[in-house]
């Protein structure tokens, strides 16, 4: 293990604070009753201690006298000084000092919650305030705060039975690569649930060759090889123009002479070094294996990405690097707040006294640069095996280790993943199932259309929409590999981002509540009825609320026709030049009143019925409109106050709970050529204004 540069603070005062993890379920039930008497919520998780699971979730409490806390702070204890000076309850201490002490005086009660989900142990401190039995404040919380800490212990410490996280390895060493080779070998040889590398090769690969002038990287066309070769794939942030890319003009040189390592970005150099350490001779990296100035080659290779990542021995995920110039094998920082690193006593579930180190770093808020990028989502999802070079650790991800949440699959530090929707890294059977015959495929499709996998697709899409793209026009393309995988199971037509068999509910996407909303993109990204048309965070508005209300579907909206022109015939799940959707449904006129110029969704926007003789807006409709973008009419120098629109019914609430009735659908604008474009999502509710009496119409949306 590499030497640790960080020395945790430890003194007699903070060593007198012991985190005791021996509590039982019964004692926590008692604590819940006490919490309720204080006006506090019950403990969020209750566990009965440990039996055969040494790293289950745990709750522990610390109580410490206020006067002891102040003495420790005055004596120079960094931990107690931090509690007194930096926490919210510190401002209450002077007022409490003048009060008479009863039953031992005011005490600080700290609620510690350990979460070991996904091999990451997280400590959350709930400082519930100071209190004294008999004081008039008893039964009320003086102050509280919540602070996140990482926690670790050494492997030979008694606390290691309960705490699985080890110190951060500052350096990546030969031991790191030896451990990674072991993970990969175990997966390839013993994990029956993990797909093995296929025999289908990428069009091109790069590899290192030794020349008289030193090592060079050379391009290889795989159709010249007699047998398939193992290769690694790289997932990384470009972060701007690359120092060397494959072009039509340099392809010949790349194939024969090659280029020096110095001509490559640092991340690509690190990937070649890592592949060599893993005994994998070849590497696939997009900048060097796709002809960047050949649009046809780009389209073909992007369409082949599912096979490229699926058939790789391993995908090297450069999570920590903001750009390819950074590399991912440099020393790792332990914390950016070294003064908040404390060593405390720990009494574990086996009653042995040990110690743990609390390290100030809110792991749930560390956004790995690569995990914010849209292209990287499908590279991760499509890869059966991933070696992840993250900010705090090197970790192994495969289906086998994902199913075993207690597996030792990092080089020390553990981090809980998938907590932030933007970072969500979902896995699903659809990426690992083999369908041996047509009948099995039909049965699977029947199961999938029941909703489980369709819902999973939408969860992925929502997570994807929260990621960033350097070129917004890639919005459909960067999801095309995942779409192709689903398409092979759905056996259904992909309509520029939507699935034909569920077209009614597929149309019910909308801007997320907290999503930035900008003007409609100037460059075409997709048809207006598709989520690809706008650069915003999306959610699906399918929850029709509690009670016996239901959605009547099947009769409300009928798909009549779909016409589109693909950007490339080699990419059926990729971008389109144009697309028209013709549907039959009930439609009614309305007016959209803009209520706010806020850049995010505004609840002040209104829908109104047409006024007398159809001129101008009339009575306000009981409902909500969620625009897809800031339309030009509302952001020009003299903005319009309202727009005439049409509401197309897609789903509705049926009578069945009093007189409740409502509808959901899309807001349309009629163009001069008679076609329609989508402007947003609407919901009408509480009776009043419905589609009763309005005729079914056939409309074409572009």
Foldseek 3Di string as FASTA:
>chain_A
DADDPFDFFDDPLQQVWAWEFQDAQVVLVVVQVQCVLLVHHRDPDGDGFDDPDLAAKTKTKTKAAPVSLVVCLVVPRLVSVCVLPVDPQNVVVVVQVPDDADPRRWIWMWIWIWHCFLNFTKTKTWGQAIDHPPDPCPSYGSDIDIAIWGKADDCPWPCCSHRVFFAFRQACDLVNLVVVLVVLVCCQPPPPLFDAADFDAAQKWWFWDQDPVGIFIAIDGCVVDPGRAAEEEEQDAALDDWLDFAAPVCNVVRHPVGGHPVSGAQQVSLVNVSCVSSVGGIYDYHRHRFHPPPVQSVQQNLLCLLSHQANHSEYEYQQQDLHSNVHQRHTADRDPCSSQKHKYWYQGNVRDIGIMIIHRDPLVPDRRNSLQALLVQCSLASHQWYFYRTRRWTFIDHPVCSVVSNDPTTPGHGGDPCPDLLRHRDYDCLNRDDQPDPVSLVVQLVVVVVPPVVVVVQSSLLNSLSHDDPDLLQLQSSCLSVVVSVCVRNVFAQALAFTPVPVLQQLQKFADQPKFFAEFDPDANAFQSHPSRGRIRIHGDDDPDDDPWDKDADPAKAWDDKDWACPDPSRSRGTTPYMKTKMKHFKDKWKWFDQDPDRGWDQRIWIFHADPVRHDGDHTAAKGWGWRHQYPQQPDPDHDRMDIWMFGFRIKIDDDDPRKIKTKGFIWDQDPVRAIGTTTIMMGIDDDDDRPPTDIDIHMGD
